[in-house]
Full PDB file with SEQRES, HELIX, SHEET, SSBOND, CRYST1, ORIGX, SCALE, CONECT and MASTER records, all heavy atoms in Angstrom:
SEQRES   1 A   43  VAL LEU GLY PRO SER ALA ASP GLY GLY PHE TYR LEU MET          
SEQRES   2 A   43  GLY LEU HIS ARG GLU ASN PHE ASP ARG GLU LYS PHE LYS          
SEQRES   3 A   43  ASP LEU PRO TRP GLN HIS SER MET LEU VAL SER ARG LEU          
SEQRES   4 A   43  VAL THR GLU PHE                                              
HELIX    1 AA1 ARG A   17  ASN A   19  5                                   3    
HELIX    2 AA2 ARG A   22  LYS A   26  1                                   5    
HELIX    3 AA3 LEU A   35  GLU A   42  1                                   8    
SHEET    1 AA1 2 LEU A   2  PRO A   4  0                                        
SHEET    2 AA1 2 PHE A  10  MET A  13 -1                                        
CRYST1    1.000    1.000    1.000  90.00  90.00  90.00 P 1           1          
ORIGX1      1.000000  0.000000  0.000000        0.00000                         
ORIGX2      0.000000  1.000000  0.000000        0.00000                         
ORIGX3      0.000000  0.000000  1.000000        0.00000                         
SCALE1      1.000000  0.000000  0.000000        0.00000                         
SCALE2      0.000000  1.000000  0.000000        0.00000                         
SCALE3      0.000000  0.000000  1.000000        0.00000                         
ATOM      1  N   VAL A   1      40.642  63.109  76.688  1.00  0.00           N  
ATOM      2  CA  VAL A   1      40.916  63.030  75.259  1.00  0.00           C  
ATOM      3  C   VAL A   1      40.860  61.568  74.830  1.00  0.00           C  
ATOM      4  O   VAL A   1      41.519  60.714  75.434  1.00  0.00           O  
ATOM      5  CB  VAL A   1      42.283  63.639  74.902  1.00  0.00           C  
ATOM      6  CG1 VAL A   1      42.533  63.541  73.392  1.00  0.00           C  
ATOM      7  CG2 VAL A   1      42.353  65.094  75.358  1.00  0.00           C  
ATOM      8  N   LEU A   2      40.099  61.286  73.787  1.00  0.00           N  
ATOM      9  CA  LEU A   2      39.997  59.934  73.263  1.00  0.00           C  
ATOM     10  C   LEU A   2      40.292  59.930  71.768  1.00  0.00           C  
ATOM     11  O   LEU A   2      39.802  60.791  71.031  1.00  0.00           O  
ATOM     12  CB  LEU A   2      38.599  59.350  73.478  1.00  0.00           C  
ATOM     13  CG  LEU A   2      38.211  58.899  74.889  1.00  0.00           C  
ATOM     14  CD1 LEU A   2      36.773  58.394  74.880  1.00  0.00           C  
ATOM     15  CD2 LEU A   2      39.156  57.807  75.389  1.00  0.00           C  
ATOM     16  N   GLY A   3      41.075  58.949  71.335  1.00  0.00           N  
ATOM     17  CA  GLY A   3      41.256  58.680  69.928  1.00  0.00           C  
ATOM     18  C   GLY A   3      40.500  57.396  69.620  1.00  0.00           C  
ATOM     19  O   GLY A   3      41.002  56.301  69.908  1.00  0.00           O  
ATOM     20  N   PRO A   4      39.284  57.476  69.102  1.00  0.00           N  
ATOM     21  CA  PRO A   4      38.460  56.285  68.905  1.00  0.00           C  
ATOM     22  C   PRO A   4      38.956  55.400  67.766  1.00  0.00           C  
ATOM     23  O   PRO A   4      39.436  55.891  66.745  1.00  0.00           O  
ATOM     24  CB  PRO A   4      37.074  56.852  68.592  1.00  0.00           C  
ATOM     25  CG  PRO A   4      37.361  58.195  67.983  1.00  0.00           C  
ATOM     26  CD  PRO A   4      38.594  58.709  68.667  1.00  0.00           C  
ATOM     27  N   SER A   5      38.835  54.109  67.980  1.00  0.00           N  
ATOM     28  CA  SER A   5      39.151  53.132  66.927  1.00  0.00           C  
ATOM     29  C   SER A   5      37.873  52.738  66.210  1.00  0.00           C  
ATOM     30  O   SER A   5      36.772  52.839  66.765  1.00  0.00           O  
ATOM     31  CB  SER A   5      39.805  51.890  67.527  1.00  0.00           C  
ATOM     32  OG  SER A   5      41.008  52.208  68.183  1.00  0.00           O  
ATOM     33  N   ALA A   6      38.005  52.250  65.001  1.00  0.00           N  
ATOM     34  CA  ALA A   6      36.835  51.879  64.206  1.00  0.00           C  
ATOM     35  C   ALA A   6      36.051  50.726  64.823  1.00  0.00           C  
ATOM     36  O   ALA A   6      34.869  50.553  64.536  1.00  0.00           O  
ATOM     37  CB  ALA A   6      37.275  51.509  62.796  1.00  0.00           C  
ATOM     38  N   ASP A   7      36.700  49.944  65.710  1.00  0.00           N  
ATOM     39  CA  ASP A   7      36.033  48.791  66.306  1.00  0.00           C  
ATOM     40  C   ASP A   7      35.283  49.107  67.596  1.00  0.00           C  
ATOM     41  O   ASP A   7      34.777  48.214  68.268  1.00  0.00           O  
ATOM     42  CB  ASP A   7      37.030  47.663  66.554  1.00  0.00           C  
ATOM     43  CG  ASP A   7      38.149  48.054  67.506  1.00  0.00           C  
ATOM     44  OD1 ASP A   7      38.118  49.176  68.052  1.00  0.00           O  
ATOM     45  OD2 ASP A   7      39.064  47.240  67.711  1.00  0.00           O  
ATOM     46  N   GLY A   8      35.225  50.391  67.982  1.00  0.00           N  
ATOM     47  CA  GLY A   8      34.499  50.767  69.194  1.00  0.00           C  
ATOM     48  C   GLY A   8      35.387  50.971  70.412  1.00  0.00           C  
ATOM     49  O   GLY A   8      34.905  51.419  71.459  1.00  0.00           O  
ATOM     50  N   GLY A   9      36.672  50.640  70.286  1.00  0.00           N  
ATOM     51  CA  GLY A   9      37.622  50.907  71.363  1.00  0.00           C  
ATOM     52  C   GLY A   9      38.338  52.224  71.121  1.00  0.00           C  
ATOM     53  O   GLY A   9      37.826  53.102  70.422  1.00  0.00           O  
ATOM     54  N   PHE A  10      39.533  52.375  71.676  1.00  0.00           N  
ATOM     55  CA  PHE A  10      40.299  53.583  71.417  1.00  0.00           C  
ATOM     56  C   PHE A  10      41.776  53.247  71.241  1.00  0.00           C  
ATOM     57  O   PHE A  10      42.281  52.280  71.814  1.00  0.00           O  
ATOM     58  CB  PHE A  10      40.110  54.626  72.530  1.00  0.00           C  
ATOM     59  CG  PHE A  10      40.528  54.199  73.906  1.00  0.00           C  
ATOM     60  CD1 PHE A  10      41.862  54.182  74.295  1.00  0.00           C  
ATOM     61  CD2 PHE A  10      39.571  53.833  74.850  1.00  0.00           C  
ATOM     62  CE1 PHE A  10      42.249  53.807  75.569  1.00  0.00           C  
ATOM     63  CE2 PHE A  10      39.949  53.460  76.134  1.00  0.00           C  
ATOM     64  CZ  PHE A  10      41.278  53.442  76.486  1.00  0.00           C  
ATOM     65  N   TYR A  11      42.446  54.058  70.429  1.00  0.00           N  
ATOM     66  CA  TYR A  11      43.879  53.892  70.226  1.00  0.00           C  
ATOM     67  C   TYR A  11      44.679  54.845  71.088  1.00  0.00           C  
ATOM     68  O   TYR A  11      45.901  54.688  71.233  1.00  0.00           O  
ATOM     69  CB  TYR A  11      44.240  54.098  68.750  1.00  0.00           C  
ATOM     70  CG  TYR A  11      43.924  55.475  68.201  1.00  0.00           C  
ATOM     71  CD1 TYR A  11      44.833  56.527  68.337  1.00  0.00           C  
ATOM     72  CD2 TYR A  11      42.724  55.741  67.553  1.00  0.00           C  
ATOM     73  CE1 TYR A  11      44.544  57.800  67.842  1.00  0.00           C  
ATOM     74  CE2 TYR A  11      42.429  57.007  67.056  1.00  0.00           C  
ATOM     75  CZ  TYR A  11      43.337  58.029  67.206  1.00  0.00           C  
ATOM     76  OH  TYR A  11      43.049  59.282  66.723  1.00  0.00           O  
ATOM     77  N   LEU A  12      44.010  55.848  71.667  1.00  0.00           N  
ATOM     78  CA  LEU A  12      44.691  56.852  72.505  1.00  0.00           C  
ATOM     79  C   LEU A  12      43.713  57.342  73.558  1.00  0.00           C  
ATOM     80  O   LEU A  12      42.520  57.527  73.286  1.00  0.00           O  
ATOM     81  CB  LEU A  12      45.174  58.020  71.647  1.00  0.00           C  
ATOM     82  CG  LEU A  12      45.876  59.200  72.324  1.00  0.00           C  
ATOM     83  CD1 LEU A  12      46.838  59.879  71.337  1.00  0.00           C  
ATOM     84  CD2 LEU A  12      44.869  60.240  72.845  1.00  0.00           C  
ATOM     85  N   MET A  13      44.241  57.563  74.758  1.00  0.00           N  
ATOM     86  CA  MET A  13      43.458  58.182  75.809  1.00  0.00           C  
ATOM     87  C   MET A  13      44.349  59.154  76.575  1.00  0.00           C  
ATOM     88  O   MET A  13      45.453  58.812  76.977  1.00  0.00           O  
ATOM     89  CB  MET A  13      42.888  57.149  76.778  1.00  0.00           C  
ATOM     90  CG  MET A  13      42.083  57.773  77.933  1.00  0.00           C  
ATOM     91  SD  MET A  13      41.393  56.535  79.051  1.00  0.00           S  
ATOM     92  CE  MET A  13      42.906  55.822  79.723  1.00  0.00           C  
ATOM     93  N   GLY A  14      43.857  60.384  76.776  1.00  0.00           N  
ATOM     94  CA  GLY A  14      44.545  61.372  77.594  1.00  0.00           C  
ATOM     95  C   GLY A  14      43.735  61.594  78.862  1.00  0.00           C  
ATOM     96  O   GLY A  14      42.585  62.027  78.796  1.00  0.00           O  
ATOM     97  N   LEU A  15      44.335  61.308  80.018  1.00  0.00           N  
ATOM     98  CA  LEU A  15      43.603  61.248  81.272  1.00  0.00           C  
ATOM     99  C   LEU A  15      44.309  62.055  82.357  1.00  0.00           C  
ATOM    100  O   LEU A  15      45.518  61.919  82.558  1.00  0.00           O  
ATOM    101  CB  LEU A  15      43.491  59.787  81.718  1.00  0.00           C  
ATOM    102  CG  LEU A  15      42.739  59.473  83.011  1.00  0.00           C  
ATOM    103  CD1 LEU A  15      41.239  59.734  82.849  1.00  0.00           C  
ATOM    104  CD2 LEU A  15      42.974  58.002  83.390  1.00  0.00           C  
ATOM    105  N   HIS A  16      43.558  62.909  83.066  1.00  0.00           N  
ATOM    106  CA  HIS A  16      44.092  63.640  84.216  1.00  0.00           C  
ATOM    107  C   HIS A  16      43.920  62.779  85.470  1.00  0.00           C  
ATOM    108  O   HIS A  16      42.937  62.054  85.596  1.00  0.00           O  
ATOM    109  CB  HIS A  16      43.355  64.978  84.390  1.00  0.00           C  
ATOM    110  CG  HIS A  16      43.994  65.904  85.373  1.00  0.00           C  
ATOM    111  ND1 HIS A  16      43.842  65.761  86.734  1.00  0.00           N  
ATOM    112  CD2 HIS A  16      44.814  66.972  85.197  1.00  0.00           C  
ATOM    113  CE1 HIS A  16      44.526  66.708  87.358  1.00  0.00           C  
ATOM    114  NE2 HIS A  16      45.123  67.455  86.445  1.00  0.00           N  
ATOM    115  N   ARG A  17      44.860  62.894  86.397  1.00  0.00           N  
ATOM    116  CA  ARG A  17      44.833  62.035  87.578  1.00  0.00           C  
ATOM    117  C   ARG A  17      43.541  62.195  88.396  1.00  0.00           C  
ATOM    118  O   ARG A  17      43.070  61.253  89.013  1.00  0.00           O  
ATOM    119  CB  ARG A  17      46.050  62.268  88.473  1.00  0.00           C  
ATOM    120  CG  ARG A  17      46.100  63.579  89.176  1.00  0.00           C  
ATOM    121  CD  ARG A  17      47.030  63.557  90.391  1.00  0.00           C  
ATOM    122  NE  ARG A  17      48.388  63.164  90.098  1.00  0.00           N  
ATOM    123  CZ  ARG A  17      48.966  62.069  90.602  1.00  0.00           C  
ATOM    124  NH1 ARG A  17      48.286  61.251  91.395  1.00  0.00           N  
ATOM    125  NH2 ARG A  17      50.224  61.799  90.320  1.00  0.00           N  
ATOM    126  N   GLU A  18      42.937  63.390  88.399  1.00  0.00           N  
ATOM    127  CA  GLU A  18      41.721  63.608  89.182  1.00  0.00           C  
ATOM    128  C   GLU A  18      40.522  62.869  88.610  1.00  0.00           C  
ATOM    129  O   GLU A  18      39.502  62.707  89.286  1.00  0.00           O  
ATOM    130  CB  GLU A  18      41.413  65.109  89.285  1.00  0.00           C  
ATOM    131  CG  GLU A  18      42.391  65.856  90.177  1.00  0.00           C  
ATOM    132  CD  GLU A  18      41.850  67.217  90.593  1.00  0.00           C  
ATOM    133  OE1 GLU A  18      40.657  67.493  90.352  1.00  0.00           O  
ATOM    134  OE2 GLU A  18      42.639  67.989  91.162  1.00  0.00           O  
ATOM    135  N   ASN A  19      40.622  62.414  87.382  1.00  0.00           N  
ATOM    136  CA  ASN A  19      39.534  61.662  86.748  1.00  0.00           C  
ATOM    137  C   ASN A  19      39.813  60.171  86.695  1.00  0.00           C  
ATOM    138  O   ASN A  19      39.101  59.424  86.014  1.00  0.00           O  
ATOM    139  CB  ASN A  19      39.295  62.193  85.334  1.00  0.00           C  
ATOM    140  CG  ASN A  19      38.862  63.637  85.343  1.00  0.00           C  
ATOM    141  OD1 ASN A  19      38.014  64.035  86.127  1.00  0.00           O  
ATOM    142  ND2 ASN A  19      39.450  64.440  84.469  1.00  0.00           N  
ATOM    143  N   PHE A  20      40.819  59.736  87.424  1.00  0.00           N  
ATOM    144  CA  PHE A  20      41.195  58.319  87.409  1.00  0.00           C  
ATOM    145  C   PHE A  20      40.676  57.646  88.669  1.00  0.00           C  
ATOM    146  O   PHE A  20      41.241  57.781  89.746  1.00  0.00           O  
ATOM    147  CB  PHE A  20      42.718  58.192  87.306  1.00  0.00           C  
ATOM    148  CG  PHE A  20      43.213  56.771  87.294  1.00  0.00           C  
ATOM    149  CD1 PHE A  20      42.830  55.902  86.289  1.00  0.00           C  
ATOM    150  CD2 PHE A  20      44.058  56.302  88.291  1.00  0.00           C  
ATOM    151  CE1 PHE A  20      43.291  54.589  86.259  1.00  0.00           C  
ATOM    152  CE2 PHE A  20      44.530  54.995  88.277  1.00  0.00           C  
ATOM    153  CZ  PHE A  20      44.141  54.130  87.264  1.00  0.00           C  
ATOM    154  N   ASP A  21      39.573  56.923  88.520  1.00  0.00           N  
ATOM    155  CA  ASP A  21      39.024  56.120  89.609  1.00  0.00           C  
ATOM    156  C   ASP A  21      39.439  54.677  89.355  1.00  0.00           C  
ATOM    157  O   ASP A  21      38.895  54.004  88.470  1.00  0.00           O  
ATOM    158  CB  ASP A  21      37.497  56.249  89.641  1.00  0.00           C  
ATOM    159  CG  ASP A  21      36.859  55.530  90.816  1.00  0.00           C  
ATOM    160  OD1 ASP A  21      37.289  54.396  91.137  1.00  0.00           O  
ATOM    161  OD2 ASP A  21      35.926  56.086  91.414  1.00  0.00           O  
ATOM    162  N   ARG A  22      40.384  54.206  90.119  1.00  0.00           N  
ATOM    163  CA  ARG A  22      41.002  52.912  89.858  1.00  0.00           C  
ATOM    164  C   ARG A  22      39.983  51.769  89.768  1.00  0.00           C  
ATOM    165  O   ARG A  22      40.015  50.956  88.846  1.00  0.00           O  
ATOM    166  CB  ARG A  22      42.021  52.616  90.966  1.00  0.00           C  
ATOM    167  CG  ARG A  22      42.800  51.336  90.793  1.00  0.00           C  
ATOM    168  CD  ARG A  22      43.664  51.072  92.003  1.00  0.00           C  
ATOM    169  NE  ARG A  22      44.390  49.836  91.858  1.00  0.00           N  
ATOM    170  CZ  ARG A  22      45.613  49.742  91.364  1.00  0.00           C  
ATOM    171  NH1 ARG A  22      46.249  50.831  90.989  1.00  0.00           N  
ATOM    172  NH2 ARG A  22      46.217  48.589  91.258  1.00  0.00           N  
ATOM    173  N   GLU A  23      39.043  51.708  90.709  1.00  0.00           N  
ATOM    174  CA  GLU A  23      38.101  50.598  90.741  1.00  0.00           C  
ATOM    175  C   GLU A  23      37.119  50.657  89.579  1.00  0.00           C  
ATOM    176  O   GLU A  23      36.841  49.653  88.927  1.00  0.00           O  
ATOM    177  CB  GLU A  23      37.354  50.593  92.079  1.00  0.00           C  
ATOM    178  CG  GLU A  23      38.240  50.271  93.269  1.00  0.00           C  
ATOM    179  CD  GLU A  23      39.005  48.965  93.102  1.00  0.00           C  
ATOM    180  OE1 GLU A  23      38.372  47.955  92.713  1.00  0.00           O  
ATOM    181  OE2 GLU A  23      40.213  48.954  93.343  1.00  0.00           O  
ATOM    182  N   LYS A  24      36.570  51.843  89.311  1.00  0.00           N  
ATOM    183  CA  LYS A  24      35.648  51.972  88.185  1.00  0.00           C  
ATOM    184  C   LYS A  24      36.357  51.736  86.854  1.00  0.00           C  
ATOM    185  O   LYS A  24      35.799  51.149  85.929  1.00  0.00           O  
ATOM    186  CB  LYS A  24      35.016  53.367  88.193  1.00  0.00           C  
ATOM    187  CG  LYS A  24      33.996  53.596  89.280  1.00  0.00           C  
ATOM    188  CD  LYS A  24      33.351  54.968  89.143  1.00  0.00           C  
ATOM    189  CE  LYS A  24      32.292  55.196  90.206  1.00  0.00           C  
ATOM    190  NZ  LYS A  24      31.656  56.532  90.089  1.00  0.00           N  
ATOM    191  N   PHE A  25      37.603  52.163  86.792  1.00  0.00           N  
ATOM    192  CA  PHE A  25      38.342  52.067  85.548  1.00  0.00           C  
ATOM    193  C   PHE A  25      38.592  50.617  85.140  1.00  0.00           C  
ATOM    194  O   PHE A  25      38.394  50.238  83.985  1.00  0.00           O  
ATOM    195  CB  PHE A  25      39.665  52.818  85.685  1.00  0.00           C  
ATOM    196  CG  PHE A  25      40.256  53.266  84.387  1.00  0.00           C  
ATOM    197  CD1 PHE A  25      39.736  54.374  83.713  1.00  0.00           C  
ATOM    198  CD2 PHE A  25      41.312  52.595  83.823  1.00  0.00           C  
ATOM    199  CE1 PHE A  25      40.267  54.782  82.504  1.00  0.00           C  
ATOM    200  CE2 PHE A  25      41.856  52.995  82.618  1.00  0.00           C  
ATOM    201  CZ  PHE A  25      41.329  54.087  81.959  1.00  0.00           C  
ATOM    202  N   LYS A  26      39.015  49.809  86.091  1.00  0.00           N  
ATOM    203  CA  LYS A  26      39.347  48.428  85.729  1.00  0.00           C  
ATOM    204  C   LYS A  26      38.114  47.600  85.385  1.00  0.00           C  
ATOM    205  O   LYS A  26      38.222  46.553  84.742  1.00  0.00           O  
ATOM    206  CB  LYS A  26      40.138  47.754  86.847  1.00  0.00           C  
ATOM    207  CG  LYS A  26      39.361  47.427  88.097  1.00  0.00           C  
ATOM    208  CD  LYS A  26      40.252  46.733  89.109  1.00  0.00           C  
ATOM    209  CE  LYS A  26      39.479  46.343  90.362  1.00  0.00           C  
ATOM    210  NZ  LYS A  26      40.363  45.685  91.360  1.00  0.00           N  
ATOM    211  N   ASP A  27      36.924  48.097  85.789  1.00  0.00           N  
ATOM    212  CA  ASP A  27      35.691  47.362  85.505  1.00  0.00           C  
ATOM    213  C   ASP A  27      34.999  47.807  84.216  1.00  0.00           C  
ATOM    214  O   ASP A  27      33.902  47.343  83.917  1.00  0.00           O  
ATOM    215  CB  ASP A  27      34.723  47.519  86.678  1.00  0.00           C  
ATOM    216  CG  ASP A  27      35.202  46.780  87.929  1.00  0.00           C  
ATOM    217  OD1 ASP A  27      35.930  45.786  87.769  1.00  0.00           O  
ATOM    218  OD2 ASP A  27      34.853  47.186  89.046  1.00  0.00           O  
ATOM    219  N   LEU A  28      35.620  48.704  83.466  1.00  0.00           N  
ATOM    220  CA  LEU A  28      35.056  49.105  82.177  1.00  0.00           C  
ATOM    221  C   LEU A  28      35.067  47.916  81.215  1.00  0.00           C  
ATOM    222  O   LEU A  28      35.846  46.967  81.398  1.00  0.00           O  
ATOM    223  CB  LEU A  28      35.854  50.269  81.597  1.00  0.00           C  
ATOM    224  CG  LEU A  28      35.669  51.627  82.272  1.00  0.00           C  
ATOM    225  CD1 LEU A  28      36.728  52.617  81.783  1.00  0.00           C  
ATOM    226  CD2 LEU A  28      34.267  52.171  82.021  1.00  0.00           C  
ATOM    227  N   PRO A  29      34.232  47.932  80.162  1.00  0.00           N  
ATOM    228  CA  PRO A  29      34.181  46.801  79.220  1.00  0.00           C  
ATOM    229  C   PRO A  29      35.364  46.790  78.247  1.00  0.00           C  
ATOM    230  O   PRO A  29      35.225  47.063  77.048  1.00  0.00           O  
ATOM    231  CB  PRO A  29      32.850  47.032  78.498  1.00  0.00           C  
ATOM    232  CG  PRO A  29      32.654  48.511  78.515  1.00  0.00           C  
ATOM    233  CD  PRO A  29      33.206  48.956  79.844  1.00  0.00           C  
ATOM    234  N   TRP A  30      36.514  46.496  78.774  1.00  0.00           N  
ATOM    235  CA  TRP A  30      37.726  46.509  77.965  1.00  0.00           C  
ATOM    236  C   TRP A  30      37.642  45.459  76.874  1.00  0.00           C  
ATOM    237  O   TRP A  30      37.078  44.398  77.059  1.00  0.00           O  
ATOM    238  CB  TRP A  30      38.959  46.257  78.852  1.00  0.00           C  
ATOM    239  CG  TRP A  30      39.136  47.339  79.867  1.00  0.00           C  
ATOM    240  CD1 TRP A  30      38.896  47.255  81.210  1.00  0.00           C  
ATOM    241  CD2 TRP A  30      39.561  48.684  79.623  1.00  0.00           C  
ATOM    242  NE1 TRP A  30      39.135  48.458  81.801  1.00  0.00           N  
ATOM    243  CE2 TRP A  30      39.544  49.350  80.858  1.00  0.00           C  
ATOM    244  CE3 TRP A  30      39.949  49.369  78.479  1.00  0.00           C  
ATOM    245  CZ2 TRP A  30      39.909  50.684  80.983  1.00  0.00           C  
ATOM    246  CZ3 TRP A  30      40.304  50.701  78.589  1.00  0.00           C  
ATOM    247  CH2 TRP A  30      40.287  51.349  79.833  1.00  0.00           C  
ATOM    248  N   GLN A  31      38.258  45.785  75.731  1.00  0.00           N  
ATOM    249  CA  GLN A  31      38.295  44.890  74.568  1.00  0.00           C  
ATOM    250  C   GLN A  31      36.878  44.541  74.094  1.00  0.00           C  
ATOM    251  O   GLN A  31      36.623  43.440  73.637  1.00  0.00           O  
ATOM    252  CB  GLN A  31      39.107  43.634  74.891  1.00  0.00           C  
ATOM    253  CG  GLN A  31      40.558  43.963  75.244  1.00  0.00           C  
ATOM    254  CD  GLN A  31      41.378  42.759  75.623  1.00  0.00           C  
ATOM    255  OE1 GLN A  31      41.008  42.009  76.524  1.00  0.00           O  
ATOM    256  NE2 GLN A  31      42.490  42.552  74.930  1.00  0.00           N  
ATOM    257  N   HIS A  32      35.981  45.517  74.212  1.00  0.00           N  
ATOM    258  CA  HIS A  32      34.593  45.351  73.790  1.00  0.00           C  
ATOM    259  C   HIS A  32      34.205  46.545  72.929  1.00  0.00           C  
ATOM    260  O   HIS A  32      34.686  47.663  73.128  1.00  0.00           O  
ATOM    261  CB  HIS A  32      33.680  45.257  75.012  1.00  0.00           C  
ATOM    262  CG  HIS A  32      32.276  44.829  74.718  1.00  0.00           C  
ATOM    263  ND1 HIS A  32      31.331  45.704  74.222  1.00  0.00           N  
ATOM    264  CD2 HIS A  32      31.657  43.619  74.824  1.00  0.00           C  
ATOM    265  CE1 HIS A  32      30.188  45.045  74.039  1.00  0.00           C  
ATOM    266  NE2 HIS A  32      30.360  43.795  74.400  1.00  0.00           N  
ATOM    267  N   SER A  33      33.309  46.329  71.994  1.00  0.00           N  
ATOM    268  CA  SER A  33      32.915  47.388  71.059  1.00  0.00           C  
ATOM    269  C   SER A  33      32.177  48.542  71.743  1.00  0.00           C  
ATOM    270  O   SER A  33      32.011  49.598  71.144  1.00  0.00           O  
ATOM    271  CB  SER A  33      32.049  46.809  69.942  1.00  0.00           C  
ATOM    272  OG  SER A  33      30.860  46.251  70.471  1.00  0.00           O  
ATOM    273  N   MET A  34      31.722  48.344  72.991  1.00  0.00           N  
ATOM    274  CA  MET A  34      30.995  49.378  73.709  1.00  0.00           C  
ATOM    275  C   MET A  34      31.895  50.219  74.603  1.00  0.00           C  
ATOM    276  O   MET A  34      31.395  51.076  75.347  1.00  0.00           O  
ATOM    277  CB  MET A  34      29.893  48.739  74.569  1.00  0.00           C  
ATOM    278  CG  MET A  34      28.836  48.000  73.781  1.00  0.00           C  
ATOM    279  SD  MET A  34      27.942  49.100  72.649  1.00  0.00           S  
ATOM    280  CE  MET A  34      27.093  50.158  73.813  1.00  0.00           C  
ATOM    281  N   LEU A  35      33.215  50.041  74.516  1.00  0.00           N  
ATOM    282  CA  LEU A  35      34.110  50.715  75.443  1.00  0.00           C  
ATOM    283  C   LEU A  35      34.021  52.230  75.365  1.00  0.00           C  
ATOM    284  O   LEU A  35      33.845  52.917  76.377  1.00  0.00           O  
ATOM    285  CB  LEU A  35      35.560  50.265  75.204  1.00  0.00           C  
ATOM    286  CG  LEU A  35      36.622  50.970  76.046  1.00  0.00           C  
ATOM    287  CD1 LEU A  35      36.363  50.779  77.531  1.00  0.00           C  
ATOM    288  CD2 LEU A  35      38.023  50.470  75.673  1.00  0.00           C  
ATOM    289  N   VAL A  36      34.152  52.795  74.164  1.00  0.00           N  
ATOM    290  CA  VAL A  36      34.147  54.259  74.033  1.00  0.00           C  
ATOM    291  C   VAL A  36      32.803  54.843  74.444  1.00  0.00           C  
ATOM    292  O   VAL A  36      32.754  55.849  75.168  1.00  0.00           O  
ATOM    293  CB  VAL A  36      34.509  54.674  72.598  1.00  0.00           C  
ATOM    294  CG1 VAL A  36      34.166  56.149  72.360  1.00  0.00           C  
ATOM    295  CG2 VAL A  36      35.992  54.466  72.353  1.00  0.00           C  
ATOM    296  N   SER A  37      31.699  54.212  74.032  1.00  0.00           N  
ATOM    297  CA  SER A  37      30.394  54.742  74.402  1.00  0.00           C  
ATOM    298  C   SER A  37      30.192  54.705  75.916  1.00  0.00           C  
ATOM    299  O   SER A  37      29.596  55.615  76.503  1.00  0.00           O  
ATOM    300  CB  SER A  37      29.277  53.967  73.697  1.00  0.00           C  
ATOM    301  OG  SER A  37      29.283  52.603  74.073  1.00  0.00           O  
ATOM    302  N   ARG A  38      30.725  53.691  76.564  1.00  0.00           N  
ATOM    303  CA  ARG A  38      30.638  53.610  78.033  1.00  0.00           C  
ATOM    304  C   ARG A  38      31.481  54.709  78.685  1.00  0.00           C  
ATOM    305  O   ARG A  38      31.047  55.355  79.660  1.00  0.00           O  
ATOM    306  CB  ARG A  38      31.105  52.228  78.491  1.00  0.00           C  
ATOM    307  CG  ARG A  38      31.218  52.039  79.989  1.00  0.00           C  
ATOM    308  CD  ARG A  38      29.890  51.886  80.704  1.00  0.00           C  
ATOM    309  NE  ARG A  38      30.110  51.603  82.112  1.00  0.00           N  
ATOM    310  CZ  ARG A  38      30.317  50.380  82.585  1.00  0.00           C  
ATOM    311  NH1 ARG A  38      30.312  49.321  81.772  1.00  0.00           N  
ATOM    312  NH2 ARG A  38      30.517  50.194  83.873  1.00  0.00           N  
ATOM    313  N   LEU A  39      32.673  54.924  78.161  1.00  0.00           N  
ATOM    314  CA  LEU A  39      33.518  55.994  78.691  1.00  0.00           C  
ATOM    315  C   LEU A  39      32.861  57.358  78.525  1.00  0.00           C  
ATOM    316  O   LEU A  39      32.904  58.188  79.442  1.00  0.00           O  
ATOM    317  CB  LEU A  39      34.880  55.982  77.977  1.00  0.00           C  
ATOM    318  CG  LEU A  39      35.997  55.130  78.581  1.00  0.00           C  
ATOM    319  CD1 LEU A  39      37.179  55.078  77.626  1.00  0.00           C  
ATOM    320  CD2 LEU A  39      36.419  55.676  79.934  1.00  0.00           C  
ATOM    321  N   VAL A  40      32.272  57.577  77.386  1.00  0.00           N  
ATOM    322  CA  VAL A  40      31.590  58.848  77.129  1.00  0.00           C  
ATOM    323  C   VAL A  40      30.464  59.038  78.143  1.00  0.00           C  
ATOM    324  O   VAL A  40      30.293  60.120  78.725  1.00  0.00           O  
ATOM    325  CB  VAL A  40      31.046  58.902  75.695  1.00  0.00           C  
ATOM    326  CG1 VAL A  40      30.125  60.098  75.507  1.00  0.00           C  
ATOM    327  CG2 VAL A  40      32.198  58.956  74.698  1.00  0.00           C  
ATOM    328  N   THR A  41      29.679  57.992  78.377  1.00  0.00           N  
ATOM    329  CA  THR A  41      28.575  58.078  79.336  1.00  0.00           C  
ATOM    330  C   THR A  41      29.083  58.371  80.742  1.00  0.00           C  
ATOM    331  O   THR A  41      28.547  59.242  81.442  1.00  0.00           O  
ATOM    332  CB  THR A  41      27.762  56.776  79.346  1.00  0.00           C  
ATOM    333  OG1 THR A  41      27.233  56.545  78.037  1.00  0.00           O  
ATOM    334  CG2 THR A  41      26.630  56.840  80.348  1.00  0.00           C  
ATOM    335  N   GLU A  42      30.118  57.636  81.170  1.00  0.00           N  
ATOM    336  CA  GLU A  42      30.635  57.798  82.524  1.00  0.00           C  
ATOM    337  C   GLU A  42      31.273  59.155  82.715  1.00  0.00           C  
ATOM    338  O   GLU A  42      31.097  59.811  83.753  1.00  0.00           O  
ATOM    339  CB  GLU A  42      31.671  56.700  82.813  1.00  0.00           C  
ATOM    340  CG  GLU A  42      31.103  55.284  82.883  1.00  0.00           C  
ATOM    341  CD  GLU A  42      30.428  55.004  84.203  1.00  0.00           C  
ATOM    342  OE1 GLU A  42      30.616  55.775  85.150  1.00  0.00           O  
ATOM    343  OE2 GLU A  42      29.701  53.985  84.274  1.00  0.00           O  
ATOM    344  N   PHE A  43      32.051  59.604  81.726  1.00  0.00           N  
ATOM    345  CA  PHE A  43      32.861  60.799  81.929  1.00  0.00           C  
ATOM    346  C   PHE A  43      32.068  62.087  81.818  1.00  0.00           C  
ATOM    347  O   PHE A  43      32.388  63.084  82.459  1.00  0.00           O  
ATOM    348  CB  PHE A  43      34.022  60.823  80.926  1.00  0.00           C  
ATOM    349  CG  PHE A  43      35.078  61.832  81.283  1.00  0.00           C  
ATOM    350  CD1 PHE A  43      36.035  61.553  82.238  1.00  0.00           C  
ATOM    351  CD2 PHE A  43      35.096  63.084  80.681  1.00  0.00           C  
ATOM    352  CE1 PHE A  43      37.001  62.488  82.586  1.00  0.00           C  
ATOM    353  CE2 PHE A  43      36.050  64.034  81.009  1.00  0.00           C  
ATOM    354  CZ  PHE A  43      37.009  63.724  81.968  1.00  0.00           C  
TER     355      PHE A  43                                                      
MASTER        0    0    0    3    2    0    0    6  354    1    0    4          
END                                                                             
């Protein structure tokens, strides 16, 4: 579950533990306008 922000990030994320890959997660483009689109592609 994602609550997208107007700037390309998100204000809310709902995540199940089975979808939490610690290494991939920390390497996402945080604080970047491409964050949500990258999450959508990966997930």
